[in-house]
Full PDB file with SEQRES, HELIX, SHEET, SSBOND, CRYST1, ORIGX, SCALE, CONECT and MASTER records, all heavy atoms in Angstrom:
SEQRES   1 A   39  VAL ALA ARG SER GLU ILE HIS ASN TYR ASP PHE THR ASP          
SEQRES   2 A   39  PHE MET LEU VAL PHE GLY PHE ASN SER ASN LEU TYR SER          
SEQRES   3 A   39  VAL ASP ASP GLY PRO SER PRO GLY ASN LEU GLY GLY ALA          
HELIX    1 AA1 ASN A    8  VAL A   17  1                                  10    
CRYST1    1.000    1.000    1.000  90.00  90.00  90.00 P 1           1          
ORIGX1      1.000000  0.000000  0.000000        0.00000                         
ORIGX2      0.000000  1.000000  0.000000        0.00000                         
ORIGX3      0.000000  0.000000  1.000000        0.00000                         
SCALE1      1.000000  0.000000  0.000000        0.00000                         
SCALE2      0.000000  1.000000  0.000000        0.00000                         
SCALE3      0.000000  0.000000  1.000000        0.00000                         
ATOM      1  N   VAL A   1     -74.325 -93.004  85.799  1.00  0.00           N  
ATOM      2  CA  VAL A   1     -75.591 -93.653  86.023  1.00  0.00           C  
ATOM      3  C   VAL A   1     -75.725 -94.599  84.841  1.00  0.00           C  
ATOM      4  O   VAL A   1     -75.586 -94.277  83.709  1.00  0.00           O  
ATOM      5  CB  VAL A   1     -76.723 -92.727  86.084  1.00  0.00           C  
ATOM      6  CG1 VAL A   1     -78.111 -93.482  86.086  1.00  0.00           C  
ATOM      7  CG2 VAL A   1     -76.683 -91.844  87.250  1.00  0.00           C  
ATOM      8  N   ALA A   2     -75.930 -95.943  85.136  1.00  0.00           N  
ATOM      9  CA  ALA A   2     -76.155 -96.886  84.128  1.00  0.00           C  
ATOM     10  C   ALA A   2     -77.111 -97.951  84.516  1.00  0.00           C  
ATOM     11  O   ALA A   2     -77.424 -98.225  85.721  1.00  0.00           O  
ATOM     12  CB  ALA A   2     -74.808 -97.593  83.732  1.00  0.00           C  
ATOM     13  N   ARG A   3     -77.699 -98.771  83.549  1.00  0.00           N  
ATOM     14  CA  ARG A   3     -78.476 -99.958  83.847  1.00  0.00           C  
ATOM     15  C   ARG A   3     -77.967-101.121  82.883  1.00  0.00           C  
ATOM     16  O   ARG A   3     -78.918-102.049  82.776  1.00  0.00           O  
ATOM     17  CB  ARG A   3     -79.982 -99.610  83.567  1.00  0.00           C  
ATOM     18  CG  ARG A   3     -80.345 -99.204  82.259  1.00  0.00           C  
ATOM     19  CD  ARG A   3     -81.882 -98.792  82.072  1.00  0.00           C  
ATOM     20  NE  ARG A   3     -82.223 -98.350  80.785  1.00  0.00           N  
ATOM     21  CZ  ARG A   3     -83.094 -97.479  80.393  1.00  0.00           C  
ATOM     22  NH1 ARG A   3     -83.853 -96.910  81.337  1.00  0.00           N  
ATOM     23  NH2 ARG A   3     -83.361 -97.220  79.152  1.00  0.00           N  
ATOM     24  N   SER A   4     -76.892-101.074  82.394  1.00  0.00           N  
ATOM     25  CA  SER A   4     -76.283-102.132  81.629  1.00  0.00           C  
ATOM     26  C   SER A   4     -74.869-102.276  82.008  1.00  0.00           C  
ATOM     27  O   SER A   4     -74.073-101.245  82.220  1.00  0.00           O  
ATOM     28  CB  SER A   4     -76.484-101.917  80.190  1.00  0.00           C  
ATOM     29  OG  SER A   4     -75.807-102.892  79.421  1.00  0.00           O  
ATOM     30  N   GLU A   5     -74.389-103.487  82.108  1.00  0.00           N  
ATOM     31  CA  GLU A   5     -72.918-103.691  82.298  1.00  0.00           C  
ATOM     32  C   GLU A   5     -72.278-103.479  80.939  1.00  0.00           C  
ATOM     33  O   GLU A   5     -72.989-103.443  79.841  1.00  0.00           O  
ATOM     34  CB  GLU A   5     -72.590-105.196  82.649  1.00  0.00           C  
ATOM     35  CG  GLU A   5     -73.388-105.681  83.918  1.00  0.00           C  
ATOM     36  CD  GLU A   5     -72.966-105.065  85.164  1.00  0.00           C  
ATOM     37  OE1 GLU A   5     -71.982-104.292  85.172  1.00  0.00           O  
ATOM     38  OE2 GLU A   5     -73.504-105.450  86.295  1.00  0.00           O  
ATOM     39  N   ILE A   6     -70.939-103.297  80.887  1.00  0.00           N  
ATOM     40  CA  ILE A   6     -70.247-103.140  79.641  1.00  0.00           C  
ATOM     41  C   ILE A   6     -69.142-104.206  79.449  1.00  0.00           C  
ATOM     42  O   ILE A   6     -68.774-104.763  80.509  1.00  0.00           O  
ATOM     43  CB  ILE A   6     -69.657-101.702  79.592  1.00  0.00           C  
ATOM     44  CG1 ILE A   6     -68.528-101.468  80.596  1.00  0.00           C  
ATOM     45  CG2 ILE A   6     -70.694-100.668  79.677  1.00  0.00           C  
ATOM     46  CD1 ILE A   6     -67.756-100.221  80.454  1.00  0.00           C  
ATOM     47  N   HIS A   7     -68.594-104.362  78.285  1.00  0.00           N  
ATOM     48  CA  HIS A   7     -67.478-105.223  78.025  1.00  0.00           C  
ATOM     49  C   HIS A   7     -66.220-104.462  78.575  1.00  0.00           C  
ATOM     50  O   HIS A   7     -65.952-103.335  78.119  1.00  0.00           O  
ATOM     51  CB  HIS A   7     -67.331-105.653  76.675  1.00  0.00           C  
ATOM     52  CG  HIS A   7     -68.493-106.584  76.219  1.00  0.00           C  
ATOM     53  ND1 HIS A   7     -68.671-107.793  76.766  1.00  0.00           N  
ATOM     54  CD2 HIS A   7     -69.307-106.368  75.200  1.00  0.00           C  
ATOM     55  CE1 HIS A   7     -69.715-108.356  76.085  1.00  0.00           C  
ATOM     56  NE2 HIS A   7     -70.150-107.446  75.136  1.00  0.00           N  
ATOM     57  N   ASN A   8     -65.448-105.078  79.385  1.00  0.00           N  
ATOM     58  CA  ASN A   8     -64.256-104.511  79.935  1.00  0.00           C  
ATOM     59  C   ASN A   8     -63.317-103.899  78.836  1.00  0.00           C  
ATOM     60  O   ASN A   8     -62.843-102.802  79.012  1.00  0.00           O  
ATOM     61  CB  ASN A   8     -63.487-105.367  80.762  1.00  0.00           C  
ATOM     62  CG  ASN A   8     -64.302-105.828  82.039  1.00  0.00           C  
ATOM     63  OD1 ASN A   8     -65.440-105.574  82.188  1.00  0.00           O  
ATOM     64  ND2 ASN A   8     -63.574-106.464  82.989  1.00  0.00           N  
ATOM     65  N   TYR A   9     -63.172-104.710  77.839  1.00  0.00           N  
ATOM     66  CA  TYR A   9     -62.247-104.267  76.751  1.00  0.00           C  
ATOM     67  C   TYR A   9     -62.665-103.058  76.036  1.00  0.00           C  
ATOM     68  O   TYR A   9     -61.808-102.291  75.525  1.00  0.00           O  
ATOM     69  CB  TYR A   9     -61.960-105.426  75.849  1.00  0.00           C  
ATOM     70  CG  TYR A   9     -63.142-106.080  75.151  1.00  0.00           C  
ATOM     71  CD1 TYR A   9     -63.842-105.418  74.188  1.00  0.00           C  
ATOM     72  CD2 TYR A   9     -63.632-107.273  75.558  1.00  0.00           C  
ATOM     73  CE1 TYR A   9     -64.922-105.931  73.521  1.00  0.00           C  
ATOM     74  CE2 TYR A   9     -64.763-107.779  74.997  1.00  0.00           C  
ATOM     75  CZ  TYR A   9     -65.363-107.145  73.891  1.00  0.00           C  
ATOM     76  OH  TYR A   9     -66.519-107.706  73.427  1.00  0.00           O  
ATOM     77  N   ASP A  10     -63.864-102.730  75.968  1.00  0.00           N  
ATOM     78  CA  ASP A  10     -64.352-101.512  75.297  1.00  0.00           C  
ATOM     79  C   ASP A  10     -63.797-100.290  76.047  1.00  0.00           C  
ATOM     80  O   ASP A  10     -63.371 -99.300  75.389  1.00  0.00           O  
ATOM     81  CB  ASP A  10     -65.847-101.416  75.261  1.00  0.00           C  
ATOM     82  CG  ASP A  10     -66.471-102.298  74.110  1.00  0.00           C  
ATOM     83  OD1 ASP A  10     -65.754-102.690  73.226  1.00  0.00           O  
ATOM     84  OD2 ASP A  10     -67.732-102.708  74.343  1.00  0.00           O  
ATOM     85  N   PHE A  11     -63.808-100.402  77.333  1.00  0.00           N  
ATOM     86  CA  PHE A  11     -63.216 -99.259  78.107  1.00  0.00           C  
ATOM     87  C   PHE A  11     -61.655 -99.251  78.040  1.00  0.00           C  
ATOM     88  O   PHE A  11     -61.096 -98.250  77.731  1.00  0.00           O  
ATOM     89  CB  PHE A  11     -63.672 -99.389  79.578  1.00  0.00           C  
ATOM     90  CG  PHE A  11     -63.161 -98.277  80.429  1.00  0.00           C  
ATOM     91  CD1 PHE A  11     -64.018 -97.107  80.497  1.00  0.00           C  
ATOM     92  CD2 PHE A  11     -62.027 -98.332  81.205  1.00  0.00           C  
ATOM     93  CE1 PHE A  11     -63.539 -95.983  81.306  1.00  0.00           C  
ATOM     94  CE2 PHE A  11     -61.645 -97.338  81.992  1.00  0.00           C  
ATOM     95  CZ  PHE A  11     -62.464 -96.081  82.026  1.00  0.00           C  
ATOM     96  N   THR A  12     -61.031-100.336  78.359  1.00  0.00           N  
ATOM     97  CA  THR A  12     -59.623-100.457  78.297  1.00  0.00           C  
ATOM     98  C   THR A  12     -58.964-100.138  77.026  1.00  0.00           C  
ATOM     99  O   THR A  12     -57.914 -99.380  76.963  1.00  0.00           O  
ATOM    100  CB  THR A  12     -59.166-101.821  78.864  1.00  0.00           C  
ATOM    101  OG1 THR A  12     -59.683-102.800  78.059  1.00  0.00           O  
ATOM    102  CG2 THR A  12     -59.604-101.917  80.271  1.00  0.00           C  
ATOM    103  N   ASP A  13     -59.539-100.580  75.923  1.00  0.00           N  
ATOM    104  CA  ASP A  13     -59.026-100.348  74.625  1.00  0.00           C  
ATOM    105  C   ASP A  13     -59.113 -98.850  74.230  1.00  0.00           C  
ATOM    106  O   ASP A  13     -58.192 -98.232  73.660  1.00  0.00           O  
ATOM    107  CB  ASP A  13     -59.749-101.093  73.510  1.00  0.00           C  
ATOM    108  CG  ASP A  13     -59.420-102.551  73.485  1.00  0.00           C  
ATOM    109  OD1 ASP A  13     -58.380-102.900  74.179  1.00  0.00           O  
ATOM    110  OD2 ASP A  13     -60.029-103.428  72.862  1.00  0.00           O  
ATOM    111  N   PHE A  14     -60.268 -98.206  74.590  1.00  0.00           N  
ATOM    112  CA  PHE A  14     -60.298 -96.773  74.415  1.00  0.00           C  
ATOM    113  C   PHE A  14     -59.256 -95.961  75.111  1.00  0.00           C  
ATOM    114  O   PHE A  14     -58.633 -95.104  74.565  1.00  0.00           O  
ATOM    115  CB  PHE A  14     -61.759 -96.285  74.870  1.00  0.00           C  
ATOM    116  CG  PHE A  14     -61.956 -94.810  74.636  1.00  0.00           C  
ATOM    117  CD1 PHE A  14     -62.546 -94.329  73.443  1.00  0.00           C  
ATOM    118  CD2 PHE A  14     -61.699 -93.882  75.606  1.00  0.00           C  
ATOM    119  CE1 PHE A  14     -62.797 -92.853  73.261  1.00  0.00           C  
ATOM    120  CE2 PHE A  14     -61.823 -92.578  75.488  1.00  0.00           C  
ATOM    121  CZ  PHE A  14     -62.424 -92.043  74.299  1.00  0.00           C  
ATOM    122  N   MET A  15     -59.090 -96.311  76.343  1.00  0.00           N  
ATOM    123  CA  MET A  15     -58.074 -95.688  77.190  1.00  0.00           C  
ATOM    124  C   MET A  15     -56.636 -95.793  76.724  1.00  0.00           C  
ATOM    125  O   MET A  15     -55.919 -94.928  76.676  1.00  0.00           O  
ATOM    126  CB  MET A  15     -58.181 -96.060  78.684  1.00  0.00           C  
ATOM    127  CG  MET A  15     -59.634 -95.902  79.319  1.00  0.00           C  
ATOM    128  SD  MET A  15     -60.340 -94.264  79.066  1.00  0.00           S  
ATOM    129  CE  MET A  15     -59.323 -93.252  80.118  1.00  0.00           C  
ATOM    130  N   LEU A  16     -56.445 -97.108  76.151  1.00  0.00           N  
ATOM    131  CA  LEU A  16     -55.045 -97.325  75.701  1.00  0.00           C  
ATOM    132  C   LEU A  16     -54.699 -96.593  74.455  1.00  0.00           C  
ATOM    133  O   LEU A  16     -53.591 -96.142  74.204  1.00  0.00           O  
ATOM    134  CB  LEU A  16     -54.943 -98.928  75.476  1.00  0.00           C  
ATOM    135  CG  LEU A  16     -54.702 -99.730  76.663  1.00  0.00           C  
ATOM    136  CD1 LEU A  16     -54.866-101.205  76.320  1.00  0.00           C  
ATOM    137  CD2 LEU A  16     -53.355 -99.414  77.362  1.00  0.00           C  
ATOM    138  N   VAL A  17     -55.756 -96.395  73.616  1.00  0.00           N  
ATOM    139  CA  VAL A  17     -55.527 -95.644  72.352  1.00  0.00           C  
ATOM    140  C   VAL A  17     -54.902 -94.199  72.633  1.00  0.00           C  
ATOM    141  O   VAL A  17     -54.136 -93.740  71.956  1.00  0.00           O  
ATOM    142  CB  VAL A  17     -56.883 -95.482  71.571  1.00  0.00           C  
ATOM    143  CG1 VAL A  17     -56.729 -94.404  70.499  1.00  0.00           C  
ATOM    144  CG2 VAL A  17     -57.150 -96.807  70.981  1.00  0.00           C  
ATOM    145  N   PHE A  18     -55.388 -93.638  73.813  1.00  0.00           N  
ATOM    146  CA  PHE A  18     -54.940 -92.272  74.137  1.00  0.00           C  
ATOM    147  C   PHE A  18     -53.875 -92.289  75.279  1.00  0.00           C  
ATOM    148  O   PHE A  18     -53.544 -91.286  75.782  1.00  0.00           O  
ATOM    149  CB  PHE A  18     -56.168 -91.440  74.595  1.00  0.00           C  
ATOM    150  CG  PHE A  18     -57.116 -91.350  73.408  1.00  0.00           C  
ATOM    151  CD1 PHE A  18     -58.315 -92.004  73.440  1.00  0.00           C  
ATOM    152  CD2 PHE A  18     -56.822 -90.499  72.274  1.00  0.00           C  
ATOM    153  CE1 PHE A  18     -59.294 -91.897  72.397  1.00  0.00           C  
ATOM    154  CE2 PHE A  18     -57.722 -90.355  71.263  1.00  0.00           C  
ATOM    155  CZ  PHE A  18     -59.018 -91.098  71.339  1.00  0.00           C  
ATOM    156  N   GLY A  19     -53.442 -93.480  75.553  1.00  0.00           N  
ATOM    157  CA  GLY A  19     -52.349 -93.623  76.613  1.00  0.00           C  
ATOM    158  C   GLY A  19     -52.702 -93.356  77.985  1.00  0.00           C  
ATOM    159  O   GLY A  19     -51.830 -93.017  78.788  1.00  0.00           O  
ATOM    160  N   PHE A  20     -54.086 -93.558  78.350  1.00  0.00           N  
ATOM    161  CA  PHE A  20     -54.420 -93.297  79.670  1.00  0.00           C  
ATOM    162  C   PHE A  20     -54.363 -94.651  80.483  1.00  0.00           C  
ATOM    163  O   PHE A  20     -54.518 -95.709  79.954  1.00  0.00           O  
ATOM    164  CB  PHE A  20     -55.861 -92.676  79.744  1.00  0.00           C  
ATOM    165  CG  PHE A  20     -55.926 -91.377  79.094  1.00  0.00           C  
ATOM    166  CD1 PHE A  20     -57.009 -91.034  78.202  1.00  0.00           C  
ATOM    167  CD2 PHE A  20     -54.993 -90.451  79.320  1.00  0.00           C  
ATOM    168  CE1 PHE A  20     -57.069 -89.873  77.619  1.00  0.00           C  
ATOM    169  CE2 PHE A  20     -55.089 -89.126  78.741  1.00  0.00           C  
ATOM    170  CZ  PHE A  20     -56.082 -88.820  77.917  1.00  0.00           C  
ATOM    171  N   ASN A  21     -54.342 -94.407  81.851  1.00  0.00           N  
ATOM    172  CA  ASN A  21     -54.320 -95.597  82.741  1.00  0.00           C  
ATOM    173  C   ASN A  21     -55.434 -95.446  83.797  1.00  0.00           C  
ATOM    174  O   ASN A  21     -55.106 -95.737  85.000  1.00  0.00           O  
ATOM    175  CB  ASN A  21     -53.020 -95.791  83.308  1.00  0.00           C  
ATOM    176  CG  ASN A  21     -52.822 -97.058  84.088  1.00  0.00           C  
ATOM    177  OD1 ASN A  21     -53.440 -98.101  83.654  1.00  0.00           O  
ATOM    178  ND2 ASN A  21     -51.980 -97.180  85.195  1.00  0.00           N  
ATOM    179  N   SER A  22     -56.561 -94.922  83.416  1.00  0.00           N  
ATOM    180  CA  SER A  22     -57.652 -94.571  84.456  1.00  0.00           C  
ATOM    181  C   SER A  22     -58.300 -95.915  84.823  1.00  0.00           C  
ATOM    182  O   SER A  22     -58.294 -96.992  84.122  1.00  0.00           O  
ATOM    183  CB  SER A  22     -58.684 -93.721  83.832  1.00  0.00           C  
ATOM    184  OG  SER A  22     -58.029 -92.464  83.413  1.00  0.00           O  
ATOM    185  N   ASN A  23     -58.775 -95.949  86.079  1.00  0.00           N  
ATOM    186  CA  ASN A  23     -59.591 -96.999  86.638  1.00  0.00           C  
ATOM    187  C   ASN A  23     -60.979 -96.686  86.684  1.00  0.00           C  
ATOM    188  O   ASN A  23     -61.413 -95.584  86.930  1.00  0.00           O  
ATOM    189  CB  ASN A  23     -59.087 -97.508  88.031  1.00  0.00           C  
ATOM    190  CG  ASN A  23     -57.698 -97.951  87.958  1.00  0.00           C  
ATOM    191  OD1 ASN A  23     -57.295 -98.655  87.150  1.00  0.00           O  
ATOM    192  ND2 ASN A  23     -56.832 -97.501  89.049  1.00  0.00           N  
ATOM    193  N   LEU A  24     -61.908 -97.632  86.390  1.00  0.00           N  
ATOM    194  CA  LEU A  24     -63.333 -97.551  86.444  1.00  0.00           C  
ATOM    195  C   LEU A  24     -63.823 -98.608  87.389  1.00  0.00           C  
ATOM    196  O   LEU A  24     -63.615 -99.783  87.145  1.00  0.00           O  
ATOM    197  CB  LEU A  24     -63.993 -97.652  85.052  1.00  0.00           C  
ATOM    198  CG  LEU A  24     -65.538 -97.600  85.114  1.00  0.00           C  
ATOM    199  CD1 LEU A  24     -66.055 -96.218  85.485  1.00  0.00           C  
ATOM    200  CD2 LEU A  24     -66.067 -98.012  83.726  1.00  0.00           C  
ATOM    201  N   TYR A  25     -64.469 -98.135  88.476  1.00  0.00           N  
ATOM    202  CA  TYR A  25     -65.043 -99.039  89.438  1.00  0.00           C  
ATOM    203  C   TYR A  25     -66.491 -99.290  89.173  1.00  0.00           C  
ATOM    204  O   TYR A  25     -67.266 -98.237  89.105  1.00  0.00           O  
ATOM    205  CB  TYR A  25     -64.801 -98.612  90.849  1.00  0.00           C  
ATOM    206  CG  TYR A  25     -63.390 -98.433  91.197  1.00  0.00           C  
ATOM    207  CD1 TYR A  25     -62.646 -97.304  90.902  1.00  0.00           C  
ATOM    208  CD2 TYR A  25     -62.667 -99.544  91.729  1.00  0.00           C  
ATOM    209  CE1 TYR A  25     -61.286 -97.143  91.303  1.00  0.00           C  
ATOM    210  CE2 TYR A  25     -61.298 -99.409  92.067  1.00  0.00           C  
ATOM    211  CZ  TYR A  25     -60.579 -98.184  91.828  1.00  0.00           C  
ATOM    212  OH  TYR A  25     -59.306 -98.106  92.120  1.00  0.00           O  
ATOM    213  N   SER A  26     -66.949-100.466  89.024  1.00  0.00           N  
ATOM    214  CA  SER A  26     -68.374-100.744  88.592  1.00  0.00           C  
ATOM    215  C   SER A  26     -69.049-101.270  89.939  1.00  0.00           C  
ATOM    216  O   SER A  26     -68.690-102.228  90.553  1.00  0.00           O  
ATOM    217  CB  SER A  26     -68.473-101.699  87.552  1.00  0.00           C  
ATOM    218  OG  SER A  26     -69.803-101.924  87.196  1.00  0.00           O  
ATOM    219  N   VAL A  27     -70.158-100.632  90.334  1.00  0.00           N  
ATOM    220  CA  VAL A  27     -70.969-101.041  91.424  1.00  0.00           C  
ATOM    221  C   VAL A  27     -72.328-101.579  91.012  1.00  0.00           C  
ATOM    222  O   VAL A  27     -72.984-100.855  90.237  1.00  0.00           O  
ATOM    223  CB  VAL A  27     -71.146 -99.857  92.429  1.00  0.00           C  
ATOM    224  CG1 VAL A  27     -72.062-100.236  93.553  1.00  0.00           C  
ATOM    225  CG2 VAL A  27     -69.797 -99.450  93.006  1.00  0.00           C  
ATOM    226  N   ASP A  28     -72.674-102.772  91.322  1.00  0.00           N  
ATOM    227  CA  ASP A  28     -73.993-103.334  91.061  1.00  0.00           C  
ATOM    228  C   ASP A  28     -74.938-103.040  92.324  1.00  0.00           C  
ATOM    229  O   ASP A  28     -74.656-103.587  93.425  1.00  0.00           O  
ATOM    230  CB  ASP A  28     -73.944-104.728  90.821  1.00  0.00           C  
ATOM    231  CG  ASP A  28     -73.413-105.075  89.378  1.00  0.00           C  
ATOM    232  OD1 ASP A  28     -73.383-104.119  88.543  1.00  0.00           O  
ATOM    233  OD2 ASP A  28     -73.027-106.212  89.238  1.00  0.00           O  
ATOM    234  N   ASP A  29     -75.931-102.207  92.118  1.00  0.00           N  
ATOM    235  CA  ASP A  29     -76.845-101.971  93.271  1.00  0.00           C  
ATOM    236  C   ASP A  29     -78.001-102.990  93.099  1.00  0.00           C  
ATOM    237  O   ASP A  29     -78.879-102.785  92.259  1.00  0.00           O  
ATOM    238  CB  ASP A  29     -77.427-100.571  93.157  1.00  0.00           C  
ATOM    239  CG  ASP A  29     -78.515-100.350  94.236  1.00  0.00           C  
ATOM    240  OD1 ASP A  29     -78.412-100.941  95.292  1.00  0.00           O  
ATOM    241  OD2 ASP A  29     -79.382 -99.492  93.993  1.00  0.00           O  
ATOM    242  N   GLY A  30     -77.907-104.124  93.682  1.00  0.00           N  
ATOM    243  CA  GLY A  30     -78.846-105.206  93.572  1.00  0.00           C  
ATOM    244  C   GLY A  30     -78.327-106.109  92.480  1.00  0.00           C  
ATOM    245  O   GLY A  30     -77.178-106.151  92.087  1.00  0.00           O  
ATOM    246  N   PRO A  31     -79.248-107.014  92.010  1.00  0.00           N  
ATOM    247  CA  PRO A  31     -78.903-108.012  90.996  1.00  0.00           C  
ATOM    248  C   PRO A  31     -78.345-107.312  89.721  1.00  0.00           C  
ATOM    249  O   PRO A  31     -78.890-106.317  89.281  1.00  0.00           O  
ATOM    250  CB  PRO A  31     -80.251-108.764  90.710  1.00  0.00           C  
ATOM    251  CG  PRO A  31     -81.113-108.506  91.923  1.00  0.00           C  
ATOM    252  CD  PRO A  31     -80.763-107.150  92.352  1.00  0.00           C  
ATOM    253  N   SER A  32     -77.400-107.919  89.086  1.00  0.00           N  
ATOM    254  CA  SER A  32     -76.833-107.370  87.836  1.00  0.00           C  
ATOM    255  C   SER A  32     -77.698-107.560  86.672  1.00  0.00           C  
ATOM    256  O   SER A  32     -78.299-108.684  86.534  1.00  0.00           O  
ATOM    257  CB  SER A  32     -75.494-108.001  87.569  1.00  0.00           C  
ATOM    258  OG  SER A  32     -75.005-107.525  86.245  1.00  0.00           O  
ATOM    259  N   PRO A  33     -78.011-106.561  85.827  1.00  0.00           N  
ATOM    260  CA  PRO A  33     -78.754-106.692  84.759  1.00  0.00           C  
ATOM    261  C   PRO A  33     -78.109-107.375  83.550  1.00  0.00           C  
ATOM    262  O   PRO A  33     -78.707-107.770  82.543  1.00  0.00           O  
ATOM    263  CB  PRO A  33     -79.141-105.214  84.316  1.00  0.00           C  
ATOM    264  CG  PRO A  33     -77.943-104.411  84.783  1.00  0.00           C  
ATOM    265  CD  PRO A  33     -77.504-105.184  86.030  1.00  0.00           C  
ATOM    266  N   GLY A  34     -76.748-107.570  83.671  1.00  0.00           N  
ATOM    267  CA  GLY A  34     -76.029-108.085  82.613  1.00  0.00           C  
ATOM    268  C   GLY A  34     -75.746-107.084  81.502  1.00  0.00           C  
ATOM    269  O   GLY A  34     -76.095-105.928  81.699  1.00  0.00           O  
ATOM    270  N   ASN A  35     -75.177-107.506  80.409  1.00  0.00           N  
ATOM    271  CA  ASN A  35     -74.888-106.531  79.264  1.00  0.00           C  
ATOM    272  C   ASN A  35     -76.089-106.590  78.378  1.00  0.00           C  
ATOM    273  O   ASN A  35     -76.375-107.609  77.725  1.00  0.00           O  
ATOM    274  CB  ASN A  35     -73.698-106.957  78.560  1.00  0.00           C  
ATOM    275  CG  ASN A  35     -73.233-105.926  77.501  1.00  0.00           C  
ATOM    276  OD1 ASN A  35     -74.054-105.382  76.733  1.00  0.00           O  
ATOM    277  ND2 ASN A  35     -71.907-105.640  77.431  1.00  0.00           N  
ATOM    278  N   LEU A  36     -76.876-105.484  78.369  1.00  0.00           N  
ATOM    279  CA  LEU A  36     -78.131-105.346  77.559  1.00  0.00           C  
ATOM    280  C   LEU A  36     -77.902-105.106  76.095  1.00  0.00           C  
ATOM    281  O   LEU A  36     -78.851-105.206  75.328  1.00  0.00           O  
ATOM    282  CB  LEU A  36     -79.048-104.256  78.144  1.00  0.00           C  
ATOM    283  CG  LEU A  36     -79.359-104.406  79.592  1.00  0.00           C  
ATOM    284  CD1 LEU A  36     -80.288-103.260  80.049  1.00  0.00           C  
ATOM    285  CD2 LEU A  36     -79.977-105.787  79.959  1.00  0.00           C  
ATOM    286  N   GLY A  37     -76.642-104.714  75.703  1.00  0.00           N  
ATOM    287  CA  GLY A  37     -76.330-104.597  74.319  1.00  0.00           C  
ATOM    288  C   GLY A  37     -76.984-103.272  73.695  1.00  0.00           C  
ATOM    289  O   GLY A  37     -77.713-102.511  74.499  1.00  0.00           O  
ATOM    290  N   GLY A  38     -76.870-103.087  72.463  1.00  0.00           N  
ATOM    291  CA  GLY A  38     -77.536-101.983  71.760  1.00  0.00           C  
ATOM    292  C   GLY A  38     -77.128-100.676  72.395  1.00  0.00           C  
ATOM    293  O   GLY A  38     -76.028-100.323  72.835  1.00  0.00           O  
ATOM    294  N   ALA A  39     -78.185 -99.691  72.251  1.00  0.00           N  
ATOM    295  CA  ALA A  39     -77.961 -98.376  72.761  1.00  0.00           C  
ATOM    296  C   ALA A  39     -77.689 -98.263  74.261  1.00  0.00           C  
ATOM    297  O   ALA A  39     -76.951 -97.386  74.779  1.00  0.00           O  
ATOM    298  CB  ALA A  39     -79.188 -97.568  72.431  1.00  0.00           C  
TER     299      ALA A  39                                                      
MASTER        0    0    0    1    0    0    0    6  298    1    0    3          
END                                                                             
């Protein structure tokens, strides 16, 4: 569950550090809120 988009590289870099190749599918229910930053 989320209400902010994320930067793709934050996810991919984390996964690469540990040698994983997982996929994350992001679904926008309605208009995208964009990346809200911070917490």
